[in-house]
Amino acid sequence: MLLLVQDQASGTDWPLIVTAVGAILGPFIAVIAVLTEGRRLRLQLGVDNMWRLIEKWDEPPLKTSRSEAAEYLLDNWNNRANLPNSALVTLDLFELLAYLVIRSKTLSIEDAWINFSGPAIQWWHVCRPGIEAFRADDPTIYEDFASLAERLMEMEEARRGMTRDELEPSDEDLIAFLQGEKALVEKPPPWRRWS
């Protein structure tokens, strides 16, 4: 009580000062809280998106598309500039992954690298002639996937301590990859197929 009497006598209004400081600090604290919550939500969204992409990658319809694309590309190895629709379905998944990493920034490049670098890099190299043919007419087609493929290769170099030349898949590597993709869906023998 003595303190209040002395403060009032000196003219210092502590409740007013505390209120003013609170009014000044309040918006800053609110901004920090909003930014923190935004970061948390972005991280949660990224995790949700990654799980959805992983689930989609393993779903039978995409496995069928991947298998059909692989079969076509193996049969038409020297004409990969002409991509079948089944290959485009697969490339579209990687374009979405790239969008989430590069544009929306809801996924980190590390998450993409851990979960999809192998197939993304392989599909990029297999379909590169077709992608380049599309991009000659419209450079925005698979623009994000092109950037993602480059960034994934850079991460491979850094994480594995290898040069680009050592990491670039050979034609034999790509053919072996496509054979694995083709085998994702077992086809019945010809005598069991019905028209």
N, C-alpha and C. Protein backbone atom coordinates (compact mmCIF):
# COMPACT_ATOMS: atom_id res chain seq x y z
N MET A 1 0.83 -1.19 0.00
CA MET A 1 0.00 0.00 0.00
C MET A 1 0.87 1.25 0.00
N LEU A 2 1.96 1.17 0.77
CA LEU A 2 2.88 2.30 0.82
C LEU A 2 3.47 2.58 -0.56
N LEU A 3 3.76 1.46 -1.32
CA LEU A 3 4.31 1.60 -2.67
C LEU A 3 3.32 2.33 -3.58
N LEU A 4 2.05 2.00 -3.47
CA LEU A 4 1.05 2.65 -4.30
C LEU A 4 0.96 4.13 -3.96
N VAL A 5 1.03 4.44 -2.71
CA VAL A 5 0.95 5.84 -2.31
C VAL A 5 2.16 6.60 -2.83
N GLN A 6 3.34 5.98 -2.73
CA GLN A 6 4.55 6.66 -3.20
C GLN A 6 4.54 6.81 -4.71
N ASP A 7 4.09 5.74 -5.45
CA ASP A 7 4.06 5.83 -6.91
C ASP A 7 3.07 6.88 -7.37
N GLN A 8 1.92 6.97 -6.69
CA GLN A 8 0.95 7.97 -7.08
C GLN A 8 1.45 9.37 -6.78
N ALA A 9 2.21 9.45 -5.73
CA ALA A 9 2.75 10.76 -5.37
C ALA A 9 3.77 11.22 -6.40
N SER A 10 4.56 10.26 -6.96
CA SER A 10 5.58 10.65 -7.94
C SER A 10 4.99 10.82 -9.33
N GLY A 11 3.76 10.44 -9.50
CA GLY A 11 3.10 10.63 -10.78
C GLY A 11 3.21 9.45 -11.72
N THR A 12 3.79 8.31 -11.30
CA THR A 12 3.92 7.13 -12.15
C THR A 12 2.65 6.30 -12.04
N ASP A 13 2.02 6.06 -13.17
CA ASP A 13 0.78 5.27 -13.20
C ASP A 13 1.12 3.87 -13.75
N TRP A 14 1.52 2.96 -12.84
CA TRP A 14 1.95 1.62 -13.24
C TRP A 14 0.88 0.82 -13.97
N PRO A 15 -0.34 0.84 -13.56
CA PRO A 15 -1.34 0.08 -14.32
C PRO A 15 -1.45 0.55 -15.77
N LEU A 16 -1.33 1.83 -15.98
CA LEU A 16 -1.38 2.37 -17.34
C LEU A 16 -0.16 1.91 -18.14
N ILE A 17 1.02 1.90 -17.51
CA ILE A 17 2.25 1.47 -18.20
C ILE A 17 2.16 -0.01 -18.56
N VAL A 18 1.70 -0.84 -17.62
CA VAL A 18 1.56 -2.27 -17.88
C VAL A 18 0.56 -2.51 -19.00
N THR A 19 -0.53 -1.79 -19.00
CA THR A 19 -1.53 -1.91 -20.06
C THR A 19 -0.95 -1.50 -21.41
N ALA A 20 -0.20 -0.42 -21.44
CA ALA A 20 0.42 0.04 -22.69
C ALA A 20 1.43 -0.97 -23.22
N VAL A 21 2.27 -1.52 -22.33
CA VAL A 21 3.24 -2.53 -22.75
C VAL A 21 2.52 -3.76 -23.28
N GLY A 22 1.46 -4.15 -22.60
CA GLY A 22 0.67 -5.30 -23.06
C GLY A 22 0.05 -5.03 -24.42
N ALA A 23 -0.43 -3.81 -24.63
CA ALA A 23 -1.03 -3.46 -25.92
C ALA A 23 0.01 -3.47 -27.03
N ILE A 24 1.24 -3.10 -26.70
CA ILE A 24 2.31 -3.11 -27.70
C ILE A 24 2.79 -4.53 -27.98
N LEU A 25 2.99 -5.32 -26.93
CA LEU A 25 3.52 -6.68 -27.09
C LEU A 25 2.46 -7.67 -27.58
N GLY A 26 1.20 -7.41 -27.26
CA GLY A 26 0.12 -8.33 -27.63
C GLY A 26 0.11 -8.69 -29.11
N PRO A 27 0.13 -7.71 -30.02
CA PRO A 27 0.12 -8.05 -31.45
C PRO A 27 1.36 -8.85 -31.88
N PHE A 28 2.52 -8.53 -31.31
CA PHE A 28 3.73 -9.30 -31.66
C PHE A 28 3.61 -10.74 -31.22
N ILE A 29 3.09 -10.95 -30.02
CA ILE A 29 2.89 -12.31 -29.52
C ILE A 29 1.87 -13.04 -30.37
N ALA A 30 0.83 -12.33 -30.78
CA ALA A 30 -0.19 -12.94 -31.64
C ALA A 30 0.40 -13.34 -32.99
N VAL A 31 1.24 -12.48 -33.58
CA VAL A 31 1.87 -12.80 -34.86
C VAL A 31 2.77 -14.02 -34.72
N ILE A 32 3.54 -14.08 -33.64
CA ILE A 32 4.41 -15.24 -33.41
C ILE A 32 3.57 -16.51 -33.27
N ALA A 33 2.46 -16.42 -32.56
CA ALA A 33 1.58 -17.58 -32.40
C ALA A 33 0.99 -18.02 -33.74
N VAL A 34 0.57 -17.07 -34.55
CA VAL A 34 0.01 -17.40 -35.87
C VAL A 34 1.07 -18.04 -36.76
N LEU A 35 2.29 -17.49 -36.77
CA LEU A 35 3.36 -18.07 -37.57
C LEU A 35 3.72 -19.48 -37.11
N THR A 36 3.78 -19.67 -35.82
CA THR A 36 4.08 -20.99 -35.27
C THR A 36 2.99 -21.99 -35.65
N GLU A 37 1.76 -21.57 -35.52
CA GLU A 37 0.64 -22.44 -35.88
C GLU A 37 0.64 -22.72 -37.38
N GLY A 38 0.94 -21.71 -38.18
CA GLY A 38 1.02 -21.89 -39.63
C GLY A 38 2.09 -22.90 -40.01
N ARG A 39 3.23 -22.83 -39.36
CA ARG A 39 4.32 -23.78 -39.62
C ARG A 39 3.90 -25.19 -39.24
N ARG A 40 3.22 -25.30 -38.09
CA ARG A 40 2.75 -26.61 -37.65
C ARG A 40 1.72 -27.19 -38.62
N LEU A 41 0.79 -26.35 -39.08
CA LEU A 41 -0.21 -26.81 -40.03
C LEU A 41 0.42 -27.20 -41.36
N ARG A 42 1.42 -26.43 -41.82
CA ARG A 42 2.10 -26.75 -43.07
C ARG A 42 2.82 -28.09 -42.97
N LEU A 43 3.44 -28.33 -41.82
CA LEU A 43 4.12 -29.60 -41.59
C LEU A 43 3.11 -30.75 -41.60
N GLN A 44 1.99 -30.56 -40.91
CA GLN A 44 0.95 -31.59 -40.88
C GLN A 44 0.38 -31.84 -42.28
N LEU A 45 0.16 -30.78 -43.03
CA LEU A 45 -0.33 -30.92 -44.40
C LEU A 45 0.67 -31.68 -45.25
N GLY A 46 1.96 -31.37 -45.07
CA GLY A 46 3.01 -32.07 -45.81
C GLY A 46 3.02 -33.56 -45.50
N VAL A 47 2.88 -33.90 -44.22
CA VAL A 47 2.86 -35.32 -43.83
C VAL A 47 1.63 -35.99 -44.43
N ASP A 48 0.48 -35.34 -44.35
CA ASP A 48 -0.74 -35.91 -44.94
C ASP A 48 -0.57 -36.11 -46.45
N ASN A 49 -0.03 -35.11 -47.14
CA ASN A 49 0.17 -35.23 -48.58
C ASN A 49 1.15 -36.35 -48.93
N MET A 50 2.20 -36.48 -48.13
CA MET A 50 3.17 -37.55 -48.40
C MET A 50 2.52 -38.91 -48.26
N TRP A 51 1.73 -39.09 -47.20
CA TRP A 51 1.05 -40.38 -47.04
C TRP A 51 0.10 -40.65 -48.19
N ARG A 52 -0.61 -39.63 -48.64
CA ARG A 52 -1.53 -39.83 -49.78
C ARG A 52 -0.77 -40.22 -51.04
N LEU A 53 0.37 -39.58 -51.28
CA LEU A 53 1.17 -39.93 -52.45
C LEU A 53 1.71 -41.36 -52.35
N ILE A 54 2.16 -41.73 -51.17
CA ILE A 54 2.66 -43.10 -50.98
C ILE A 54 1.54 -44.11 -51.20
N GLU A 55 0.35 -43.82 -50.66
CA GLU A 55 -0.79 -44.71 -50.87
C GLU A 55 -1.16 -44.79 -52.34
N LYS A 56 -1.19 -43.65 -53.01
CA LYS A 56 -1.52 -43.63 -54.44
C LYS A 56 -0.50 -44.43 -55.24
N TRP A 57 0.78 -44.30 -54.88
CA TRP A 57 1.84 -45.01 -55.59
C TRP A 57 1.64 -46.52 -55.52
N ASP A 58 1.08 -46.99 -54.42
CA ASP A 58 0.91 -48.43 -54.21
C ASP A 58 -0.49 -48.94 -54.58
N GLU A 59 -1.38 -48.06 -55.02
CA GLU A 59 -2.73 -48.49 -55.38
C GLU A 59 -2.72 -49.27 -56.69
N PRO A 60 -3.60 -50.27 -56.81
CA PRO A 60 -3.65 -51.08 -58.03
C PRO A 60 -3.82 -50.28 -59.34
N PRO A 61 -4.65 -49.24 -59.39
CA PRO A 61 -4.77 -48.54 -60.67
C PRO A 61 -3.44 -47.91 -61.13
N LEU A 62 -2.68 -47.32 -60.21
CA LEU A 62 -1.41 -46.73 -60.61
C LEU A 62 -0.38 -47.81 -60.93
N LYS A 63 -0.41 -48.90 -60.18
CA LYS A 63 0.50 -50.01 -60.50
C LYS A 63 0.21 -50.54 -61.90
N THR A 64 -1.07 -50.61 -62.25
CA THR A 64 -1.44 -51.07 -63.59
C THR A 64 -0.93 -50.08 -64.64
N SER A 65 -1.11 -48.80 -64.41
CA SER A 65 -0.60 -47.78 -65.35
C SER A 65 0.91 -47.88 -65.49
N ARG A 66 1.60 -48.02 -64.37
CA ARG A 66 3.06 -48.13 -64.40
C ARG A 66 3.49 -49.37 -65.17
N SER A 67 2.80 -50.47 -64.94
CA SER A 67 3.13 -51.71 -65.63
C SER A 67 2.90 -51.59 -67.14
N GLU A 68 1.75 -51.02 -67.51
CA GLU A 68 1.44 -50.83 -68.93
C GLU A 68 2.44 -49.88 -69.60
N ALA A 69 2.78 -48.82 -68.90
CA ALA A 69 3.75 -47.87 -69.45
C ALA A 69 5.10 -48.54 -69.63
N ALA A 70 5.51 -49.32 -68.64
CA ALA A 70 6.79 -50.01 -68.73
C ALA A 70 6.81 -50.98 -69.91
N GLU A 71 5.73 -51.72 -70.07
CA GLU A 71 5.66 -52.67 -71.19
C GLU A 71 5.77 -51.93 -72.52
N TYR A 72 5.01 -50.85 -72.66
CA TYR A 72 5.06 -50.07 -73.90
C TYR A 72 6.47 -49.52 -74.15
N LEU A 73 7.07 -48.95 -73.12
CA LEU A 73 8.39 -48.33 -73.28
C LEU A 73 9.47 -49.37 -73.57
N LEU A 74 9.35 -50.55 -73.00
CA LEU A 74 10.30 -51.62 -73.33
C LEU A 74 10.15 -52.05 -74.78
N ASP A 75 8.89 -52.14 -75.23
CA ASP A 75 8.64 -52.55 -76.63
C ASP A 75 9.02 -51.45 -77.62
N ASN A 76 9.06 -50.20 -77.16
CA ASN A 76 9.34 -49.06 -78.04
C ASN A 76 10.52 -48.25 -77.50
N TRP A 77 11.54 -48.95 -77.06
CA TRP A 77 12.69 -48.31 -76.40
C TRP A 77 13.29 -47.19 -77.24
N ASN A 78 13.39 -47.39 -78.52
CA ASN A 78 14.02 -46.38 -79.39
C ASN A 78 13.06 -45.28 -79.82
N ASN A 79 11.83 -45.33 -79.36
CA ASN A 79 10.84 -44.30 -79.69
C ASN A 79 10.18 -43.79 -78.41
N ARG A 80 10.99 -43.40 -77.44
CA ARG A 80 10.44 -42.96 -76.16
C ARG A 80 9.94 -41.52 -76.20
N ALA A 81 10.08 -40.86 -77.34
CA ALA A 81 9.53 -39.51 -77.46
C ALA A 81 8.01 -39.57 -77.55
N ASN A 82 7.48 -40.74 -77.87
CA ASN A 82 6.04 -40.94 -77.98
C ASN A 82 5.58 -41.70 -76.74
N LEU A 83 5.15 -40.97 -75.72
CA LEU A 83 4.77 -41.59 -74.45
C LEU A 83 3.30 -42.00 -74.45
N PRO A 84 3.01 -43.18 -73.92
CA PRO A 84 1.61 -43.59 -73.81
C PRO A 84 0.92 -42.87 -72.65
N ASN A 85 -0.39 -42.87 -72.67
CA ASN A 85 -1.15 -42.23 -71.59
C ASN A 85 -0.81 -42.83 -70.23
N SER A 86 -0.54 -44.12 -70.19
CA SER A 86 -0.21 -44.75 -68.91
C SER A 86 1.07 -44.17 -68.33
N ALA A 87 2.02 -43.78 -69.16
CA ALA A 87 3.23 -43.12 -68.65
C ALA A 87 2.90 -41.72 -68.14
N LEU A 88 1.98 -41.05 -68.80
CA LEU A 88 1.61 -39.70 -68.38
C LEU A 88 0.95 -39.72 -67.00
N VAL A 89 0.18 -40.77 -66.71
CA VAL A 89 -0.44 -40.90 -65.39
C VAL A 89 0.65 -40.95 -64.32
N THR A 90 1.69 -41.70 -64.59
CA THR A 90 2.80 -41.82 -63.64
C THR A 90 3.54 -40.50 -63.53
N LEU A 91 3.81 -39.86 -64.65
CA LEU A 91 4.52 -38.58 -64.63
C LEU A 91 3.71 -37.51 -63.90
N ASP A 92 2.39 -37.57 -64.03
CA ASP A 92 1.54 -36.59 -63.34
C ASP A 92 1.67 -36.72 -61.82
N LEU A 93 1.85 -37.93 -61.32
CA LEU A 93 2.05 -38.09 -59.89
C LEU A 93 3.34 -37.39 -59.46
N PHE A 94 4.39 -37.53 -60.26
CA PHE A 94 5.64 -36.87 -59.92
C PHE A 94 5.55 -35.35 -60.10
N GLU A 95 4.74 -34.90 -61.03
CA GLU A 95 4.52 -33.46 -61.18
C GLU A 95 3.81 -32.91 -59.94
N LEU A 96 2.86 -33.68 -59.41
CA LEU A 96 2.18 -33.27 -58.17
C LEU A 96 3.17 -33.25 -57.00
N LEU A 97 3.99 -34.28 -56.88
CA LEU A 97 5.01 -34.31 -55.84
C LEU A 97 5.91 -33.08 -55.97
N ALA A 98 6.32 -32.77 -57.18
CA ALA A 98 7.20 -31.62 -57.42
C ALA A 98 6.50 -30.32 -57.04
N TYR A 99 5.22 -30.20 -57.38
CA TYR A 99 4.46 -29.00 -57.01
C TYR A 99 4.46 -28.82 -55.49
N LEU A 100 4.23 -29.91 -54.76
CA LEU A 100 4.18 -29.83 -53.30
C LEU A 100 5.53 -29.45 -52.69
N VAL A 101 6.62 -29.85 -53.35
CA VAL A 101 7.96 -29.53 -52.85
C VAL A 101 8.36 -28.12 -53.28
N ILE A 102 8.18 -27.80 -54.56
CA ILE A 102 8.76 -26.57 -55.12
C ILE A 102 7.85 -25.36 -54.98
N ARG A 103 6.60 -25.50 -55.28
CA ARG A 103 5.71 -24.33 -55.29
C ARG A 103 4.98 -24.12 -53.96
N SER A 104 4.29 -25.16 -53.48
CA SER A 104 3.53 -24.95 -52.25
C SER A 104 4.40 -25.08 -51.00
N LYS A 105 5.54 -25.72 -51.16
CA LYS A 105 6.50 -25.89 -50.06
C LYS A 105 5.87 -26.57 -48.84
N THR A 106 4.91 -27.46 -49.10
CA THR A 106 4.32 -28.22 -48.00
C THR A 106 5.08 -29.52 -47.76
N LEU A 107 5.96 -29.88 -48.67
CA LEU A 107 6.83 -31.04 -48.49
C LEU A 107 8.27 -30.59 -48.62
N SER A 108 9.12 -31.17 -47.82
CA SER A 108 10.54 -30.84 -47.94
C SER A 108 11.18 -31.70 -49.03
N ILE A 109 12.25 -31.20 -49.58
CA ILE A 109 12.99 -31.97 -50.59
C ILE A 109 13.51 -33.26 -49.95
N GLU A 110 13.85 -33.21 -48.67
CA GLU A 110 14.33 -34.42 -47.99
C GLU A 110 13.25 -35.49 -47.95
N ASP A 111 12.00 -35.09 -47.66
CA ASP A 111 10.90 -36.06 -47.64
C ASP A 111 10.69 -36.67 -49.02
N ALA A 112 10.74 -35.83 -50.05
CA ALA A 112 10.59 -36.34 -51.41
C ALA A 112 11.74 -37.28 -51.75
N TRP A 113 12.95 -36.91 -51.35
CA TRP A 113 14.12 -37.73 -51.65
C TRP A 113 14.02 -39.09 -50.96
N ILE A 114 13.66 -39.08 -49.68
CA ILE A 114 13.57 -40.33 -48.92
C ILE A 114 12.53 -41.27 -49.51
N ASN A 115 11.38 -40.74 -49.89
CA ASN A 115 10.26 -41.59 -50.30
C ASN A 115 10.17 -41.86 -51.80
N PHE A 116 10.69 -40.96 -52.63
CA PHE A 116 10.44 -41.11 -54.06
C PHE A 116 11.65 -40.90 -54.97
N SER A 117 12.84 -40.68 -54.43
CA SER A 117 13.95 -40.34 -55.32
C SER A 117 14.24 -41.44 -56.32
N GLY A 118 14.25 -42.70 -55.88
CA GLY A 118 14.56 -43.79 -56.81
C GLY A 118 13.62 -43.84 -58.00
N PRO A 119 12.32 -44.02 -57.76
CA PRO A 119 11.41 -44.09 -58.91
C PRO A 119 11.29 -42.77 -59.67
N ALA A 120 11.36 -41.65 -58.98
CA ALA A 120 11.25 -40.36 -59.69
C ALA A 120 12.40 -40.17 -60.66
N ILE A 121 13.61 -40.45 -60.20
CA ILE A 121 14.78 -40.29 -61.07
C ILE A 121 14.73 -41.29 -62.23
N GLN A 122 14.34 -42.53 -61.93
CA GLN A 122 14.27 -43.54 -62.99
C GLN A 122 13.22 -43.18 -64.04
N TRP A 123 12.01 -42.80 -63.59
CA TRP A 123 10.96 -42.44 -64.54
C TRP A 123 11.36 -41.18 -65.31
N TRP A 124 12.04 -40.25 -64.67
CA TRP A 124 12.48 -39.05 -65.37
C TRP A 124 13.41 -39.43 -66.53
N HIS A 125 14.39 -40.27 -66.26
CA HIS A 125 15.34 -40.65 -67.29
C HIS A 125 14.70 -41.52 -68.38
N VAL A 126 13.81 -42.40 -68.00
CA VAL A 126 13.12 -43.23 -68.99
C VAL A 126 12.29 -42.36 -69.93
N CYS A 127 11.54 -41.43 -69.37
CA CYS A 127 10.59 -40.63 -70.15
C CYS A 127 11.18 -39.30 -70.65
N ARG A 128 12.42 -39.05 -70.37
CA ARG A 128 13.02 -37.77 -70.74
C ARG A 128 12.83 -37.41 -72.22
N PRO A 129 13.02 -38.34 -73.18
CA PRO A 129 12.80 -37.95 -74.58
C PRO A 129 11.38 -37.44 -74.84
N GLY A 130 10.39 -38.10 -74.24
CA GLY A 130 9.01 -37.66 -74.40
C GLY A 130 8.73 -36.35 -73.71
N ILE A 131 9.27 -36.20 -72.51
CA ILE A 131 9.09 -34.95 -71.77
C ILE A 131 9.73 -33.79 -72.53
N GLU A 132 10.92 -34.02 -73.06
CA GLU A 132 11.59 -32.96 -73.83
C GLU A 132 10.81 -32.61 -75.09
N ALA A 133 10.18 -33.60 -75.71
CA ALA A 133 9.34 -33.32 -76.90
C ALA A 133 8.15 -32.44 -76.50
N PHE A 134 7.50 -32.77 -75.37
CA PHE A 134 6.39 -31.93 -74.89
C PHE A 134 6.88 -30.52 -74.59
N ARG A 135 8.01 -30.44 -73.91
CA ARG A 135 8.51 -29.15 -73.45
C ARG A 135 9.04 -28.29 -74.60
N ALA A 136 9.35 -28.90 -75.72
CA ALA A 136 9.77 -28.11 -76.89
C ALA A 136 8.61 -27.25 -77.37
N ASP A 137 7.39 -27.78 -77.25
CA ASP A 137 6.19 -27.02 -77.63
C ASP A 137 5.71 -26.10 -76.52
N ASP A 138 5.84 -26.56 -75.28
CA ASP A 138 5.37 -25.78 -74.13
C ASP A 138 6.30 -26.05 -72.94
N PRO A 139 7.20 -25.12 -72.65
CA PRO A 139 8.18 -25.37 -71.58
C PRO A 139 7.59 -25.49 -70.18
N THR A 140 6.30 -25.19 -70.03
CA THR A 140 5.69 -25.32 -68.70
C THR A 140 5.24 -26.75 -68.39
N ILE A 141 5.20 -27.61 -69.41
CA ILE A 141 4.77 -28.99 -69.19
C ILE A 141 5.85 -29.72 -68.40
N TYR A 142 5.45 -30.31 -67.32
CA TYR A 142 6.36 -31.02 -66.40
C TYR A 142 7.52 -30.15 -65.94
N GLU A 143 7.26 -28.87 -65.85
CA GLU A 143 8.27 -27.92 -65.40
C GLU A 143 8.71 -28.20 -63.97
N ASP A 144 7.76 -28.46 -63.11
CA ASP A 144 8.10 -28.74 -61.71
C ASP A 144 8.81 -30.08 -61.57
N PHE A 145 8.39 -31.07 -62.34
CA PHE A 145 9.05 -32.37 -62.28
C PHE A 145 10.49 -32.25 -62.78
N ALA A 146 10.71 -31.44 -63.79
CA ALA A 146 12.08 -31.22 -64.27
C ALA A 146 12.95 -30.64 -63.16
N SER A 147 12.42 -29.65 -62.46
CA SER A 147 13.17 -29.05 -61.35
C SER A 147 13.38 -30.05 -60.22
N LEU A 148 12.35 -30.82 -59.92
CA LEU A 148 12.47 -31.81 -58.85
C LEU A 148 13.51 -32.87 -59.21
N ALA A 149 13.48 -33.36 -60.44
CA ALA A 149 14.46 -34.38 -60.85
C ALA A 149 15.88 -33.85 -60.68
N GLU A 150 16.09 -32.59 -61.04
CA GLU A 150 17.42 -31.99 -60.89
C GLU A 150 17.80 -31.90 -59.41
N ARG A 151 16.88 -31.46 -58.60
CA ARG A 151 17.18 -31.32 -57.16
C ARG A 151 17.40 -32.67 -56.50
N LEU A 152 16.65 -33.69 -56.94
CA LEU A 152 16.86 -35.03 -56.39
C LEU A 152 18.24 -35.57 -56.78
N MET A 153 18.66 -35.31 -58.01
CA MET A 153 19.99 -35.74 -58.43
C MET A 153 21.07 -35.01 -57.62
N GLU A 154 20.86 -33.72 -57.36
CA GLU A 154 21.81 -32.98 -56.53
C GLU A 154 21.88 -33.56 -55.12
N MET A 155 20.72 -33.95 -54.58
CA MET A 155 20.73 -34.56 -53.25
C MET A 155 21.43 -35.91 -53.27
N GLU A 156 21.20 -36.67 -54.33
CA GLU A 156 21.88 -37.96 -54.46
C GLU A 156 23.39 -37.75 -54.45
N GLU A 157 23.84 -36.77 -55.22
CA GLU A 157 25.28 -36.48 -55.26
C GLU A 157 25.80 -36.14 -53.86
N ALA A 158 25.11 -35.24 -53.18
CA ALA A 158 25.56 -34.78 -51.87
C ALA A 158 25.48 -35.90 -50.82
N ARG A 159 24.38 -36.61 -50.79
CA ARG A 159 24.18 -37.61 -49.75
C ARG A 159 25.02 -38.86 -49.97
N ARG A 160 25.22 -39.22 -51.22
CA ARG A 160 25.95 -40.46 -51.49
C ARG A 160 27.42 -40.22 -51.81
N GLY A 161 27.80 -38.95 -51.96
CA GLY A 161 29.20 -38.64 -52.24
C GLY A 161 29.66 -39.17 -53.58
N MET A 162 28.77 -39.11 -54.57
CA MET A 162 29.09 -39.60 -55.91
C MET A 162 28.92 -38.47 -56.92
N THR A 163 29.53 -38.63 -58.07
CA THR A 163 29.40 -37.63 -59.13
C THR A 163 28.14 -37.89 -59.93
N ARG A 164 27.75 -36.91 -60.69
CA ARG A 164 26.57 -37.05 -61.55
C ARG A 164 26.75 -38.20 -62.54
N ASP A 165 27.95 -38.29 -63.11
CA ASP A 165 28.20 -39.37 -64.08
C ASP A 165 28.04 -40.75 -63.45
N GLU A 166 28.44 -40.87 -62.19
CA GLU A 166 28.30 -42.15 -61.50
C GLU A 166 26.83 -42.46 -61.19
N LEU A 167 26.05 -41.43 -61.00
CA LEU A 167 24.64 -41.61 -60.61
C LEU A 167 23.69 -41.75 -61.80
N GLU A 168 24.05 -41.20 -62.94
CA GLU A 168 23.17 -41.28 -64.11
C GLU A 168 22.90 -42.74 -64.46
N PRO A 169 21.64 -43.14 -64.54
CA PRO A 169 21.36 -44.54 -64.88
C PRO A 169 21.69 -44.82 -66.34
N SER A 170 22.26 -45.99 -66.57
CA SER A 170 22.56 -46.42 -67.94
C SER A 170 21.29 -46.96 -68.58
N ASP A 171 21.33 -47.20 -69.88
CA ASP A 171 20.19 -47.81 -70.55
C ASP A 171 19.87 -49.17 -69.93
N GLU A 172 20.91 -49.93 -69.58
CA GLU A 172 20.68 -51.23 -68.96
C GLU A 172 19.97 -51.08 -67.61
N ASP A 173 20.37 -50.06 -66.85
CA ASP A 173 19.70 -49.79 -65.56
C ASP A 173 18.23 -49.45 -65.79
N LEU A 174 17.97 -48.62 -66.78
CA LEU A 174 16.60 -48.19 -67.05
C LEU A 174 15.75 -49.34 -67.56
N ILE A 175 16.32 -50.19 -68.39
CA ILE A 175 15.58 -51.36 -68.89
C ILE A 175 15.27 -52.30 -67.73
N ALA A 176 16.23 -52.53 -66.85
CA ALA A 176 15.98 -53.38 -65.67
C ALA A 176 14.90 -52.76 -64.79
N PHE A 177 14.93 -51.44 -64.63
CA PHE A 177 13.90 -50.75 -63.85
C PHE A 177 12.53 -50.97 -64.48
N LEU A 178 12.43 -50.79 -65.80
CA LEU A 178 11.16 -50.98 -66.49
C LEU A 178 10.67 -52.42 -66.39
N GLN A 179 11.57 -53.36 -66.43
CA GLN A 179 11.16 -54.76 -66.29
C GLN A 179 10.54 -54.99 -64.91
N GLY A 180 11.12 -54.36 -63.89
CA GLY A 180 10.53 -54.45 -62.56
C GLY A 180 9.16 -53.80 -62.49
N GLU A 181 9.00 -52.65 -63.13
CA GLU A 181 7.70 -51.97 -63.16
C GLU A 181 6.68 -52.79 -63.94
N LYS A 182 7.11 -53.39 -65.03
CA LYS A 182 6.21 -54.23 -65.84
C LYS A 182 5.69 -55.40 -65.02
N ALA A 183 6.54 -55.94 -64.16
CA ALA A 183 6.17 -57.12 -63.37
C ALA A 183 5.25 -56.78 -62.19
N LEU A 184 4.92 -55.51 -61.99
CA LEU A 184 4.04 -55.13 -60.88
C LEU A 184 2.66 -55.78 -61.00
N VAL A 185 2.21 -55.96 -62.22
CA VAL A 185 0.89 -56.54 -62.47
C VAL A 185 1.10 -57.81 -63.27
N GLU A 186 0.69 -58.92 -62.68
CA GLU A 186 0.84 -60.20 -63.37
C GLU A 186 -0.27 -60.33 -64.40
N LYS A 187 0.14 -60.65 -65.62
CA LYS A 187 -0.85 -60.83 -66.68
C LYS A 187 -1.13 -62.32 -66.82
N PRO A 188 -2.39 -62.64 -67.05
CA PRO A 188 -2.70 -64.06 -67.23
C PRO A 188 -2.08 -64.56 -68.55
N PRO A 189 -1.82 -65.85 -68.61
CA PRO A 189 -1.28 -66.39 -69.87
C PRO A 189 -2.27 -66.18 -71.00
N PRO A 190 -1.79 -66.15 -72.24
CA PRO A 190 -2.69 -65.86 -73.38
C PRO A 190 -3.90 -66.79 -73.46
N TRP A 191 -3.73 -68.04 -73.09
CA TRP A 191 -4.86 -68.95 -73.19
C TRP A 191 -5.93 -68.67 -72.15
N ARG A 192 -5.63 -67.83 -71.12
CA ARG A 192 -6.62 -67.48 -70.09
C ARG A 192 -7.24 -66.12 -70.33
N ARG A 193 -6.73 -65.39 -71.29
CA ARG A 193 -7.27 -64.04 -71.54
C ARG A 193 -8.56 -64.16 -72.33
N TRP A 194 -9.52 -63.40 -71.94
CA TRP A 194 -10.80 -63.37 -72.64
C TRP A 194 -10.91 -62.05 -73.35
N SER A 195 -11.43 -62.05 -74.51
CA SER A 195 -11.54 -60.81 -75.27
C SER A 195 -12.66 -59.96 -74.78
